[in-house]
N, C-alpha and C. Protein backbone atom coordinates (compact mmCIF):
# COMPACT_ATOMS: atom_id res chain seq x y z
N MET A 1 -19.32 21.23 -3.89
CA MET A 1 -18.11 20.41 -2.92
C MET A 1 -18.99 20.04 -1.92
N VAL A 2 -18.83 18.67 -1.28
CA VAL A 2 -19.79 18.21 -0.14
C VAL A 2 -18.68 17.48 0.64
N ASP A 3 -18.97 17.84 2.15
CA ASP A 3 -17.62 17.12 2.55
C ASP A 3 -18.78 15.83 3.57
N GLU A 4 -18.28 14.61 3.94
CA GLU A 4 -18.13 14.02 3.94
C GLU A 4 -17.71 12.98 5.05
N PRO A 5 -17.91 12.80 6.23
CA PRO A 5 -17.38 12.00 7.30
C PRO A 5 -16.86 11.10 6.72
N VAL A 6 -15.32 10.93 7.13
CA VAL A 6 -14.59 9.71 6.89
C VAL A 6 -14.63 8.84 8.21
N ASN A 7 -14.61 7.64 7.74
CA ASN A 7 -14.29 6.32 8.80
C ASN A 7 -12.72 6.22 9.43
N THR A 8 -12.28 6.52 9.89
CA THR A 8 -10.93 6.06 10.19
C THR A 8 -10.39 4.72 11.42
N SER A 9 -11.50 4.03 11.19
CA SER A 9 -10.92 3.04 12.02
C SER A 9 -11.16 1.79 11.21
N PHE A 10 -10.68 0.44 11.77
CA PHE A 10 -10.47 -0.62 10.83
C PHE A 10 -11.74 -1.38 11.51
N ARG A 11 -11.87 -2.68 10.71
CA ARG A 11 -12.92 -3.57 11.20
C ARG A 11 -12.54 -4.06 12.48
N ASN A 12 -11.54 -4.14 12.68
CA ASN A 12 -11.23 -4.71 13.86
C ASN A 12 -11.41 -3.88 15.10
N GLY A 13 -11.39 -2.28 14.60
CA GLY A 13 -11.78 -1.15 15.59
C GLY A 13 -10.44 -0.64 16.11
N ARG A 14 -9.85 -1.04 15.63
CA ARG A 14 -8.36 -0.04 15.53
C ARG A 14 -8.63 1.37 14.64
N SER A 15 -7.93 2.11 15.31
CA SER A 15 -7.95 3.64 14.72
C SER A 15 -6.86 3.76 13.33
N LEU A 16 -7.59 4.06 12.10
CA LEU A 16 -6.19 4.60 11.22
C LEU A 16 -5.33 5.83 11.53
N PHE A 17 -5.01 6.16 12.51
CA PHE A 17 -4.65 7.41 12.60
C PHE A 17 -4.04 7.03 14.26
N ALA A 18 -4.16 5.71 14.96
CA ALA A 18 -4.18 5.33 16.49
C ALA A 18 -2.22 5.67 16.46
N MET A 19 -2.54 6.64 17.56
CA MET A 19 -0.96 6.65 18.17
C MET A 19 -1.09 6.35 19.72
N SER A 20 -0.13 6.13 20.14
CA SER A 20 0.07 5.07 21.62
C SER A 20 0.48 6.25 22.77
N GLN A 21 -0.46 5.67 23.67
CA GLN A 21 -1.25 7.01 24.85
C GLN A 21 -0.16 6.45 25.99
N SER A 22 0.61 5.88 25.49
CA SER A 22 1.17 4.88 26.77
C SER A 22 2.78 6.32 27.46
N ALA A 23 3.41 6.08 28.64
CA ALA A 23 3.99 6.56 29.15
C ALA A 23 5.24 6.21 28.78
N PRO A 24 6.41 6.78 28.60
CA PRO A 24 7.62 6.51 27.61
C PRO A 24 8.35 5.18 28.68
N LEU A 25 9.04 4.41 27.96
CA LEU A 25 9.70 3.37 28.32
C LEU A 25 11.38 3.21 28.15
N PRO A 26 12.17 2.69 28.62
CA PRO A 26 13.14 2.63 28.06
C PRO A 26 13.01 1.59 27.21
N LEU A 27 13.81 1.68 26.24
CA LEU A 27 13.89 0.65 25.20
C LEU A 27 13.79 -0.77 25.34
N LEU A 28 15.14 -0.89 26.27
CA LEU A 28 15.21 -1.95 26.46
C LEU A 28 13.89 -2.93 27.07
N GLU A 29 12.37 -2.01 27.75
CA GLU A 29 11.56 -2.59 28.04
C GLU A 29 10.44 -2.94 27.17
N VAL A 30 10.92 -2.25 25.86
CA VAL A 30 9.64 -2.94 25.00
C VAL A 30 10.16 -3.74 24.20
N SER A 31 8.62 -4.51 23.87
CA SER A 31 8.78 -5.89 23.31
C SER A 31 8.93 -5.81 21.91
N ALA A 32 9.54 -6.41 21.24
CA ALA A 32 9.66 -6.63 19.60
C ALA A 32 9.11 -7.55 19.02
N ASP A 33 7.81 -8.13 19.61
CA ASP A 33 6.92 -9.07 19.12
C ASP A 33 6.29 -7.70 18.66
N VAL A 34 6.10 -8.51 17.10
CA VAL A 34 5.01 -7.61 16.10
C VAL A 34 3.71 -8.73 16.17
N ASP A 35 2.40 -8.11 16.35
CA ASP A 35 1.28 -8.61 16.39
C ASP A 35 0.80 -8.76 15.04
N ASP A 36 1.36 -7.89 13.97
CA ASP A 36 0.86 -7.85 12.25
C ASP A 36 1.94 -8.91 11.67
N ALA A 37 1.69 -9.14 11.23
CA ALA A 37 1.73 -9.96 10.03
C ALA A 37 2.58 -8.96 8.81
N ARG A 38 3.48 -9.44 8.36
CA ARG A 38 3.58 -8.55 7.53
C ARG A 38 2.71 -9.08 6.18
N ILE A 39 2.21 -8.24 4.84
CA ILE A 39 2.15 -8.56 4.02
C ILE A 39 2.84 -9.10 2.20
N PHE A 40 2.63 -10.14 2.58
CA PHE A 40 3.92 -10.70 1.29
C PHE A 40 3.59 -10.36 -0.08
N ILE A 41 4.10 -9.61 -0.79
CA ILE A 41 4.03 -9.47 -1.96
C ILE A 41 3.89 -10.01 -3.08
N GLY A 42 5.12 -11.09 -3.33
CA GLY A 42 5.45 -12.02 -4.10
C GLY A 42 6.19 -11.55 -5.11
N MET A 43 7.01 -10.63 -5.00
CA MET A 43 8.12 -9.67 -5.97
C MET A 43 9.60 -10.03 -4.98
N ASN A 44 9.81 -10.91 -5.19
CA ASN A 44 11.44 -11.75 -4.22
C ASN A 44 12.10 -10.35 -3.64
N GLU A 45 13.01 -9.06 -4.90
CA GLU A 45 13.42 -8.37 -3.79
C GLU A 45 12.74 -7.43 -3.63
N MET A 46 11.49 -7.06 -3.73
CA MET A 46 10.95 -6.29 -3.33
C MET A 46 10.42 -6.57 -1.94
N ASP A 47 10.19 -7.57 -1.81
CA ASP A 47 9.78 -8.56 -0.01
C ASP A 47 11.23 -8.55 0.79
N ARG A 48 12.24 -8.76 -0.28
CA ARG A 48 13.72 -8.82 0.92
C ARG A 48 14.16 -7.66 1.31
N VAL A 49 13.73 -6.21 0.39
CA VAL A 49 13.90 -4.95 0.55
C VAL A 49 13.06 -4.75 1.91
N LEU A 50 11.93 -4.72 1.50
CA LEU A 50 10.80 -4.65 3.00
C LEU A 50 11.05 -5.46 4.03
N GLY A 51 12.26 -6.14 4.17
CA GLY A 51 12.33 -7.22 5.39
C GLY A 51 11.28 -8.66 5.19
N GLY A 52 10.39 -8.64 4.61
CA GLY A 52 9.55 -9.85 4.26
C GLY A 52 8.31 -9.24 4.01
N GLY A 53 8.42 -8.15 3.36
CA GLY A 53 7.11 -7.76 2.64
C GLY A 53 6.30 -6.15 3.60
N LEU A 54 5.33 -5.99 3.56
CA LEU A 54 4.83 -4.93 3.54
C LEU A 54 4.30 -5.05 5.02
N VAL A 55 4.55 -3.88 6.27
CA VAL A 55 4.19 -3.78 7.52
C VAL A 55 2.83 -3.24 7.55
N PRO A 56 1.34 -3.82 7.91
CA PRO A 56 0.19 -3.22 7.97
C PRO A 56 -0.04 -1.59 8.16
N GLY A 57 0.00 -0.77 7.54
CA GLY A 57 -0.23 0.18 8.56
C GLY A 57 1.22 1.44 8.49
N SER A 58 1.55 0.64 7.41
CA SER A 58 2.77 1.93 7.32
C SER A 58 2.65 2.44 6.08
N LEU A 59 4.11 2.60 5.97
CA LEU A 59 4.35 3.73 4.52
C LEU A 59 5.28 3.75 4.33
N VAL A 60 5.58 3.44 2.71
CA VAL A 60 6.68 2.73 1.75
C VAL A 60 7.01 4.28 0.76
N LEU A 61 8.14 4.73 0.93
CA LEU A 61 8.47 6.09 -0.42
C LEU A 61 9.20 5.49 -1.14
N LEU A 62 8.33 5.39 -2.19
CA LEU A 62 9.35 4.88 -3.80
C LEU A 62 9.57 6.63 -4.12
N ALA A 63 10.96 6.29 -4.54
CA ALA A 63 11.30 7.61 -5.08
C ALA A 63 12.61 7.45 -5.83
N GLY A 64 13.03 8.51 -6.84
CA GLY A 64 13.70 8.22 -8.34
C GLY A 64 13.89 9.06 -8.65
N GLU A 65 14.38 8.99 -10.17
CA GLU A 65 14.69 10.26 -11.48
C GLU A 65 13.48 10.05 -11.94
N PRO A 66 13.09 10.92 -12.75
CA PRO A 66 12.07 10.85 -13.76
C PRO A 66 12.10 10.04 -14.51
N GLY A 67 10.81 9.29 -14.95
CA GLY A 67 11.31 8.05 -15.68
C GLY A 67 11.67 6.58 -15.78
N ILE A 68 12.65 6.66 -14.10
CA ILE A 68 12.95 5.76 -14.15
C ILE A 68 12.00 4.20 -13.76
N GLY A 69 11.11 4.39 -14.07
CA GLY A 69 10.12 2.94 -13.92
C GLY A 69 9.15 3.07 -12.32
N LYS A 70 9.03 4.31 -11.52
CA LYS A 70 8.12 4.40 -10.38
C LYS A 70 7.18 3.65 -10.41
N SER A 71 5.98 4.64 -11.25
CA SER A 71 4.87 4.23 -11.02
C SER A 71 4.59 2.82 -11.84
N THR A 72 5.56 2.43 -12.89
CA THR A 72 4.96 0.85 -13.39
C THR A 72 5.59 -0.10 -12.20
N LEU A 73 6.32 0.11 -11.46
CA LEU A 73 7.02 -0.73 -10.44
C LEU A 73 5.87 -0.72 -9.35
N LEU A 74 4.79 0.58 -9.07
CA LEU A 74 3.88 0.35 -8.29
C LEU A 74 2.93 -0.32 -8.36
N LEU A 75 2.64 -0.21 -10.03
CA LEU A 75 1.49 -0.83 -10.45
C LEU A 75 1.62 -2.27 -10.16
N GLN A 76 2.95 -2.73 -10.65
CA GLN A 76 3.66 -4.43 -10.84
C GLN A 76 3.14 -4.89 -9.41
N ILE A 77 3.41 -3.73 -8.40
CA ILE A 77 3.20 -4.00 -6.61
C ILE A 77 1.58 -4.29 -6.49
N LEU A 78 0.81 -3.20 -6.67
CA LEU A 78 -0.50 -3.21 -6.62
C LEU A 78 -1.24 -4.77 -7.34
N CYS A 79 -1.01 -5.09 -8.37
CA CYS A 79 -1.56 -5.86 -9.11
C CYS A 79 -1.06 -7.55 -8.24
N ARG A 80 0.09 -7.49 -8.23
CA ARG A 80 0.36 -8.85 -6.90
C ARG A 80 -0.21 -8.66 -5.87
N LEU A 81 -0.73 -8.12 -5.41
CA LEU A 81 -1.37 -7.50 -3.71
C LEU A 81 -2.58 -8.11 -4.25
N ALA A 82 -3.44 -7.61 -5.24
CA ALA A 82 -4.70 -7.89 -5.88
C ALA A 82 -4.60 -9.06 -6.12
N TYR A 83 -4.02 -9.55 -6.70
CA TYR A 83 -4.41 -10.73 -6.99
C TYR A 83 -3.48 -11.90 -5.68
N ASN A 84 -2.87 -11.22 -5.09
CA ASN A 84 -2.71 -12.04 -3.88
C ASN A 84 -3.49 -11.83 -2.31
N GLN A 85 -4.07 -11.38 -2.80
CA GLN A 85 -4.70 -11.29 -0.83
C GLN A 85 -6.10 -11.17 -1.17
N ASN A 86 -6.65 -12.59 -1.65
CA ASN A 86 -7.67 -13.08 -1.82
C ASN A 86 -8.87 -12.09 -2.59
N GLN A 87 -8.96 -11.18 -3.20
CA GLN A 87 -9.56 -10.41 -3.99
C GLN A 87 -9.58 -9.06 -2.70
N LYS A 88 -8.82 -9.04 -1.88
CA LYS A 88 -9.34 -7.86 -1.23
C LYS A 88 -9.41 -6.48 -2.22
N LYS A 89 -9.91 -5.52 -1.74
CA LYS A 89 -9.86 -4.43 -2.68
C LYS A 89 -8.40 -3.88 -2.85
N VAL A 90 -7.64 -2.88 -3.37
CA VAL A 90 -6.35 -2.55 -3.99
C VAL A 90 -6.55 -1.46 -4.19
N LEU A 91 -6.35 0.18 -3.89
CA LEU A 91 -6.55 1.10 -4.32
C LEU A 91 -5.06 1.96 -4.58
N TYR A 92 -5.59 2.22 -5.86
CA TYR A 92 -4.28 3.19 -7.02
C TYR A 92 -4.45 4.46 -6.57
N VAL A 93 -4.07 5.24 -5.84
CA VAL A 93 -4.21 6.69 -6.38
C VAL A 93 -3.39 7.96 -7.14
N SER A 94 -3.62 8.14 -8.23
CA SER A 94 -2.50 8.58 -8.74
C SER A 94 -2.80 10.12 -8.36
N GLY A 95 -1.47 10.73 -7.60
CA GLY A 95 -1.59 12.45 -7.89
C GLY A 95 -0.94 13.08 -9.06
N GLU A 96 -0.57 11.95 -10.29
CA GLU A 96 0.46 12.39 -11.53
C GLU A 96 -0.87 12.08 -12.89
N GLU A 97 -0.87 10.72 -12.83
CA GLU A 97 -1.59 10.33 -13.86
C GLU A 97 -2.83 10.23 -14.01
N SER A 98 -3.05 10.53 -15.34
CA SER A 98 -4.74 10.01 -15.58
C SER A 98 -5.35 8.37 -14.77
N LEU A 99 -6.82 8.30 -14.94
CA LEU A 99 -7.04 6.88 -15.72
C LEU A 99 -6.74 6.29 -16.72
N ALA A 100 -6.74 6.96 -17.86
CA ALA A 100 -6.70 6.58 -18.40
C ALA A 100 -4.80 5.80 -18.96
N GLN A 101 -4.58 6.83 -18.74
CA GLN A 101 -2.51 6.01 -18.69
C GLN A 101 -2.35 5.20 -17.40
N ILE A 102 -3.01 4.95 -16.50
CA ILE A 102 -2.61 3.81 -15.51
C ILE A 102 -3.53 2.74 -16.40
N ARG A 103 -4.34 2.62 -17.25
CA ARG A 103 -5.23 1.49 -17.81
C ARG A 103 -4.13 0.87 -18.59
N MET A 104 -3.28 2.34 -19.60
CA MET A 104 -2.76 1.88 -20.86
C MET A 104 -1.46 0.85 -19.97
N ARG A 105 -0.96 1.77 -19.27
CA ARG A 105 0.03 0.63 -18.26
C ARG A 105 -0.03 -0.66 -18.07
N SER A 106 -1.32 -0.58 -17.56
CA SER A 106 -1.62 -1.99 -17.09
C SER A 106 -1.69 -3.31 -18.08
N GLU A 107 -2.58 -2.45 -19.10
CA GLU A 107 -2.46 -3.49 -19.87
C GLU A 107 -1.45 -3.69 -21.05
N ARG A 108 -0.24 -2.61 -20.76
CA ARG A 108 1.03 -3.05 -21.37
C ARG A 108 1.85 -4.30 -20.11
N LEU A 109 1.62 -4.03 -18.92
CA LEU A 109 2.00 -5.25 -18.43
C LEU A 109 1.25 -6.61 -18.32
N GLY A 110 -0.14 -6.57 -18.97
CA GLY A 110 -0.60 -7.76 -19.22
C GLY A 110 -1.83 -7.97 -18.07
N GLN A 111 -2.02 -7.14 -17.15
CA GLN A 111 -2.53 -7.25 -15.32
C GLN A 111 -3.18 -6.08 -15.32
N ILE A 112 -5.02 -6.83 -14.92
CA ILE A 112 -5.63 -5.87 -15.00
C ILE A 112 -6.73 -6.70 -13.71
N PRO A 113 -6.19 -6.99 -12.60
CA PRO A 113 -6.98 -7.36 -11.73
C PRO A 113 -8.42 -6.67 -11.28
N GLU A 114 -9.17 -7.50 -10.88
CA GLU A 114 -11.03 -7.20 -10.62
C GLU A 114 -10.61 -6.62 -9.64
N SER A 115 -9.60 -6.52 -8.58
CA SER A 115 -10.10 -5.81 -7.29
C SER A 115 -8.81 -4.76 -7.20
N LEU A 116 -8.39 -4.51 -8.54
CA LEU A 116 -7.43 -3.05 -8.21
C LEU A 116 -8.43 -1.87 -8.21
N TRP A 117 -8.49 -0.90 -8.04
CA TRP A 117 -9.36 -0.02 -7.74
C TRP A 117 -8.46 1.40 -8.29
N VAL A 118 -8.72 2.32 -9.39
CA VAL A 118 -7.63 3.46 -9.47
C VAL A 118 -8.95 4.76 -8.99
N ALA A 119 -7.96 5.86 -8.84
CA ALA A 119 -8.56 7.00 -8.69
C ALA A 119 -7.83 8.02 -8.93
N CYS A 120 -7.72 9.43 -9.45
CA CYS A 120 -7.05 10.46 -9.89
C CYS A 120 -7.23 11.56 -9.51
N GLU A 121 -6.03 12.47 -8.51
CA GLU A 121 -6.21 13.31 -7.43
C GLU A 121 -5.65 14.54 -8.54
N SER A 122 -5.33 14.37 -9.88
CA SER A 122 -4.36 15.55 -10.54
C SER A 122 -5.20 16.54 -10.86
């Protein structure tokens, strides 16, 4: 195994793990203006549940009983993002399914975008 340094900053210079270094403020003094626009998925109900789309830098937990369709829903979301984001790379990292299983599911959905990348960590 070879250890390689990981770049933890975005192109705009912001850190992937940036935390505010400011002093505590009363909540009433905090601006509600968000400088990052939400990322529109293109699935009406998902966008509605997420308050208008994904917030850049946020984490969304998708949970449910086994076999309920979490992986299928995630793949549908990632395919939409891959098609809607001007061919920016979208990465699906699976901790459970093999790459072949992901490919078969994608074929069943009839969606295999060029900009969707996959990795398996199981």
